[in-house]
PDB file of N, CA and C in Angstrom:
ATOM      1  N   MET A   1      79.842  34.101 243.777  1.00  0.00           N
ATOM      2  CA  MET A   1      80.039  33.406 242.508  1.00  0.00           C
ATOM      3  C   MET A   1      80.889  34.281 241.660  1.00  0.00           C
ATOM      4  N   GLY A   2      81.947  33.915 241.328  1.00  0.00           N
ATOM      5  CA  GLY A   2      82.825  34.537 240.297  1.00  0.00           C
ATOM      6  C   GLY A   2      82.239  34.617 238.961  1.00  0.00           C
ATOM      7  N   TRP A   3      82.692  35.577 238.249  1.00  0.00           N
ATOM      8  CA  TRP A   3      82.108  35.789 236.628  1.00  0.00           C
ATOM      9  C   TRP A   3      82.260  34.633 235.824  1.00  0.00           C
ATOM     10  N   ARG A   4      83.535  33.836 236.068  1.00  0.00           N
ATOM     11  CA  ARG A   4      83.713  32.654 235.343  1.00  0.00           C
ATOM     12  C   ARG A   4      82.558  31.557 235.744  1.00  0.00           C
ATOM     13  N   LYS A   5      82.489  31.405 236.950  1.00  0.00           N
ATOM     14  CA  LYS A   5      81.460  30.328 237.246  1.00  0.00           C
ATOM     15  C   LYS A   5      80.153  30.632 236.902  1.00  0.00           C
ATOM     16  N   GLY A   6      79.903  32.014 237.105  1.00  0.00           N
ATOM     17  CA  GLY A   6      78.494  32.450 236.617  1.00  0.00           C
ATOM     18  C   GLY A   6      78.222  32.280 235.070  1.00  0.00           C
ATOM     19  N   LYS A   7      79.424  32.522 234.163  1.00  0.00           N
ATOM     20  CA  LYS A   7      79.209  32.222 232.897  1.00  0.00           C
ATOM     21  C   LYS A   7      78.806  30.883 232.565  1.00  0.00           C
ATOM     22  N   GLN A   8      79.770  29.911 233.212  1.00  0.00           N
ATOM     23  CA  GLN A   8      79.561  28.489 232.978  1.00  0.00           C
ATOM     24  C   GLN A   8      78.147  28.042 233.323  1.00  0.00           C
ATOM     25  N   ALA A   9      77.760  28.520 234.461  1.00  0.00           N
ATOM     26  CA  ALA A   9      76.336  28.180 235.091  1.00  0.00           C
ATOM     27  C   ALA A   9      75.196  28.694 233.828  1.00  0.00           C
ATOM     28  N   TYR A  10      75.522  29.760 233.373  1.00  0.00           N
ATOM     29  CA  TYR A  10      74.492  30.444 232.432  1.00  0.00           C
ATOM     30  C   TYR A  10      74.694  29.528 231.100  1.00  0.00           C
ATOM     31  N   GLU A  11      75.898  29.263 230.595  1.00  0.00           N
ATOM     32  CA  GLU A  11      75.904  28.390 229.532  1.00  0.00           C
ATOM     33  C   GLU A  11      75.428  26.951 229.540  1.00  0.00           C
ATOM     34  N   ARG A  12      75.345  26.518 230.818  1.00  0.00           N
ATOM     35  CA  ARG A  12      74.768  25.092 231.124  1.00  0.00           C
ATOM     36  C   ARG A  12      73.311  25.260 231.106  1.00  0.00           C
ATOM     37  N   PHE A  13      72.770  26.267 231.655  1.00  0.00           N
ATOM     38  CA  PHE A  13      71.410  26.654 231.581  1.00  0.00           C
ATOM     39  C   PHE A  13      70.833  26.946 230.285  1.00  0.00           C
ATOM     40  N   TYR A  14      71.631  27.628 229.509  1.00  0.00           N
ATOM     41  CA  TYR A  14      71.415  27.987 228.076  1.00  0.00           C
ATOM     42  C   TYR A  14      71.157  26.656 227.330  1.00  0.00           C
ATOM     43  N   ASP A  15      72.215  25.872 227.463  1.00  0.00           N
ATOM     44  CA  ASP A  15      72.228  24.460 226.551  1.00  0.00           C
ATOM     45  C   ASP A  15      71.220  23.623 227.051  1.00  0.00           C
ATOM     46  N   GLU A  16      70.815  23.487 228.352  1.00  0.00           N
ATOM     47  CA  GLU A  16      69.733  22.664 228.743  1.00  0.00           C
ATOM     48  C   GLU A  16      68.298  23.174 228.048  1.00  0.00           C
ATOM     49  N   GLU A  17      68.220  24.371 228.104  1.00  0.00           N
ATOM     50  CA  GLU A  17      66.967  25.000 227.607  1.00  0.00           C
ATOM     51  C   GLU A  17      66.875  24.790 226.214  1.00  0.00           C
ATOM     52  N   LEU A  18      67.914  25.013 225.245  1.00  0.00           N
ATOM     53  CA  LEU A  18      67.950  24.918 224.032  1.00  0.00           C
ATOM     54  C   LEU A  18      67.699  23.368 223.705  1.00  0.00           C
ATOM     55  N   SER A  19      68.162  22.615 224.454  1.00  0.00           N
ATOM     56  CA  SER A  19      67.971  21.243 224.197  1.00  0.00           C
ATOM     57  C   SER A  19      66.487  20.821 224.411  1.00  0.00           C
ATOM     58  N   LYS A  20      65.807  21.330 225.410  1.00  0.00           N
ATOM     59  CA  LYS A  20      64.296  21.174 225.735  1.00  0.00           C
ATOM     60  C   LYS A  20      63.572  21.485 224.399  1.00  0.00           C
ATOM     61  N   LEU A  21      64.005  22.765 224.087  1.00  0.00           N
ATOM     62  CA  LEU A  21      63.262  23.475 222.822  1.00  0.00           C
ATOM     63  C   LEU A  21      63.395  22.601 221.739  1.00  0.00           C
ATOM     64  N   GLU A  22      64.584  21.870 221.419  1.00  0.00           N
ATOM     65  CA  GLU A  22      64.808  21.345 220.235  1.00  0.00           C
ATOM     66  C   GLU A  22      63.895  19.882 220.373  1.00  0.00           C
ATOM     67  N   LYS A  23      63.777  19.308 221.439  1.00  0.00           N
ATOM     68  CA  LYS A  23      62.918  18.165 221.551  1.00  0.00           C
ATOM     69  C   LYS A  23      61.447  18.479 221.412  1.00  0.00           C
ATOM     70  N   GLU A  24      61.049  19.558 221.957  1.00  0.00           N
ATOM     71  CA  GLU A  24      59.583  20.081 221.881  1.00  0.00           C
ATOM     72  C   GLU A  24      59.462  20.338 220.311  1.00  0.00           C
ATOM     73  N   LEU A  25      60.326  20.916 219.484  1.00  0.00           N
ATOM     74  CA  LEU A  25      60.113  21.067 218.273  1.00  0.00           C
ATOM     75  C   LEU A  25      60.103  19.866 217.322  1.00  0.00           C
ATOM     76  N   GLU A  26      60.819  18.940 217.755  1.00  0.00           N
ATOM     77  CA  GLU A  26      60.836  17.450 217.112  1.00  0.00           C
ATOM     78  C   GLU A  26      59.375  16.951 217.126  1.00  0.00           C
ATOM     79  N   LYS A  27      58.973  17.001 218.501  1.00  0.00           N
ATOM     80  CA  LYS A  27      57.718  16.537 218.678  1.00  0.00           C
ATOM     81  C   LYS A  27      56.574  17.105 218.075  1.00  0.00           C
ATOM     82  N   THR A  28      56.723  18.409 217.961  1.00  0.00           N
ATOM     83  CA  THR A  28      55.592  19.290 217.315  1.00  0.00           C
ATOM     84  C   THR A  28      55.637  18.960 215.806  1.00  0.00           C
ATOM     85  N   MET A  29      56.727  18.824 215.188  1.00  0.00           N
ATOM     86  CA  MET A  29      56.939  18.626 213.691  1.00  0.00           C
ATOM     87  C   MET A  29      56.447  17.203 213.439  1.00  0.00           C
ATOM     88  N   SER A  30      56.750  16.317 214.264  1.00  0.00           N
ATOM     89  CA  SER A  30      56.237  14.912 213.998  1.00  0.00           C
ATOM     90  C   SER A  30      54.720  15.020 214.127  1.00  0.00           C
ATOM     91  N   ALA A  31      54.155  15.589 214.993  1.00  0.00           N
ATOM     92  CA  ALA A  31      52.911  15.592 215.124  1.00  0.00           C
ATOM     93  C   ALA A  31      52.161  16.417 213.776  1.00  0.00           C
ATOM     94  N   LEU A  32      52.766  17.418 213.306  1.00  0.00           N
ATOM     95  CA  LEU A  32      52.282  18.205 212.157  1.00  0.00           C
ATOM     96  C   LEU A  32      52.405  17.142 210.952  1.00  0.00           C
ATOM     97  N   GLU A  33      53.371  16.557 210.666  1.00  0.00           N
ATOM     98  CA  GLU A  33      53.619  15.712 209.589  1.00  0.00           C
ATOM     99  C   GLU A  33      52.475  14.386 209.682  1.00  0.00           C
ATOM    100  N   GLU A  34      52.195  13.907 210.821  1.00  0.00           N
ATOM    101  CA  GLU A  34      51.198  12.958 210.797  1.00  0.00           C
ATOM    102  C   GLU A  34      49.711  13.571 210.520  1.00  0.00           C
ATOM    103  N   ILE A  35      49.347  14.842 211.045  1.00  0.00           N
ATOM    104  CA  ILE A  35      48.218  15.692 210.605  1.00  0.00           C
ATOM    105  C   ILE A  35      48.068  15.770 209.176  1.00  0.00           C
ATOM    106  N   ILE A  36      49.258  16.124 208.544  1.00  0.00           N
ATOM    107  CA  ILE A  36      49.321  16.544 207.062  1.00  0.00           C
ATOM    108  C   ILE A  36      49.037  15.279 206.247  1.00  0.00           C
ATOM    109  N   GLU A  37      49.759  14.325 206.686  1.00  0.00           N
ATOM    110  CA  GLU A  37      49.757  12.978 205.971  1.00  0.00           C
ATOM    111  C   GLU A  37      48.249  12.369 206.086  1.00  0.00           C
ATOM    112  N   GLU A  38      47.561  12.586 207.155  1.00  0.00           N
ATOM    113  CA  GLU A  38      46.237  12.024 207.393  1.00  0.00           C
ATOM    114  C   GLU A  38      45.372  12.898 206.571  1.00  0.00           C
ATOM    115  N   ARG A  39      45.350  14.288 206.547  1.00  0.00           N
ATOM    116  CA  ARG A  39      44.617  15.053 205.769  1.00  0.00           C
ATOM    117  C   ARG A  39      44.787  14.769 204.118  1.00  0.00           C
ATOM    118  N   VAL A  40      45.924  14.591 203.789  1.00  0.00           N
ATOM    119  CA  VAL A  40      46.106  14.211 202.337  1.00  0.00           C
ATOM    120  C   VAL A  40      45.553  12.825 202.060  1.00  0.00           C
ATOM    121  N   ARG A  41      45.568  11.901 202.921  1.00  0.00           N
ATOM    122  CA  ARG A  41      44.971  10.584 202.678  1.00  0.00           C
ATOM    123  C   ARG A  41      43.425  10.835 202.708  1.00  0.00           C
ATOM    124  N   GLU A  42      42.965  11.530 203.539  1.00  0.00           N
ATOM    125  CA  GLU A  42      41.429  11.904 203.621  1.00  0.00           C
ATOM    126  C   GLU A  42      41.027  12.627 202.165  1.00  0.00           C
ATOM    127  N   ALA A  43      41.870  13.544 201.701  1.00  0.00           N
ATOM    128  CA  ALA A  43      41.602  14.163 200.580  1.00  0.00           C
ATOM    129  C   ALA A  43      41.669  13.461 199.140  1.00  0.00           C
ATOM    130  N   ARG A  44      42.687  12.247 199.282  1.00  0.00           N
ATOM    131  CA  ARG A  44      42.609  11.437 198.092  1.00  0.00           C
ATOM    132  C   ARG A  44      41.601  10.646 198.225  1.00  0.00           C
ATOM    133  N   GLY A  45      41.051  10.146 199.344  1.00  0.00           N
ATOM    134  CA  GLY A  45      39.851   9.352 199.486  1.00  0.00           C
ATOM    135  C   GLY A  45      38.690   9.906 198.912  1.00  0.00           C
ATOM    136  N   GLU A  46      38.426  11.234 199.417  1.00  0.00           N
ATOM    137  CA  GLU A  46      37.275  11.971 198.644  1.00  0.00           C
ATOM    138  C   GLU A  46      37.344  12.095 197.299  1.00  0.00           C
ATOM    139  N   LYS A  47      38.466  12.377 196.849  1.00  0.00           N
ATOM    140  CA  LYS A  47      38.781  12.328 195.342  1.00  0.00           C
ATOM    141  C   LYS A  47      38.442  11.265 194.541  1.00  0.00           C
ATOM    142  N   ASP A  48      38.835  10.146 195.214  1.00  0.00           N
ATOM    143  CA  ASP A  48      38.521   8.948 194.539  1.00  0.00           C
ATOM    144  C   ASP A  48      37.077   8.466 194.507  1.00  0.00           C
ATOM    145  N   LYS A  49      36.426   8.971 195.411  1.00  0.00           N
ATOM    146  CA  LYS A  49      34.941   8.950 195.767  1.00  0.00           C
ATOM    147  C   LYS A  49      34.065   9.701 194.712  1.00  0.00           C
ATOM    148  N   ALA A  50      34.644  10.991 194.545  1.00  0.00           N
ATOM    149  CA  ALA A  50      34.075  11.955 193.417  1.00  0.00           C
ATOM    150  C   ALA A  50      34.105  11.285 192.158  1.00  0.00           C
ATOM    151  N   THR A  51      35.303  10.646 191.807  1.00  0.00           N
ATOM    152  CA  THR A  51      35.516  10.118 190.354  1.00  0.00           C
ATOM    153  C   THR A  51      34.711   8.896 190.150  1.00  0.00           C
ATOM    154  N   LEU A  52      34.051   8.291 190.995  1.00  0.00           N
ATOM    155  CA  LEU A  52      33.191   7.260 190.737  1.00  0.00           C
ATOM    156  C   LEU A  52      31.872   7.476 190.335  1.00  0.00           C
TER     157      LEU A  52
END
């Protein structure tokens, strides 16, 4: 394999791995947002109960 083909293969591999990581990051951020929203709802519910 020549240097040019090697460079192209590496770039393709790099782009694929970067794409996988970006998708994984999106999933993780989405899950975190859901957890945070749930905890905020729970905290608000407890606050409402404490004021009664």
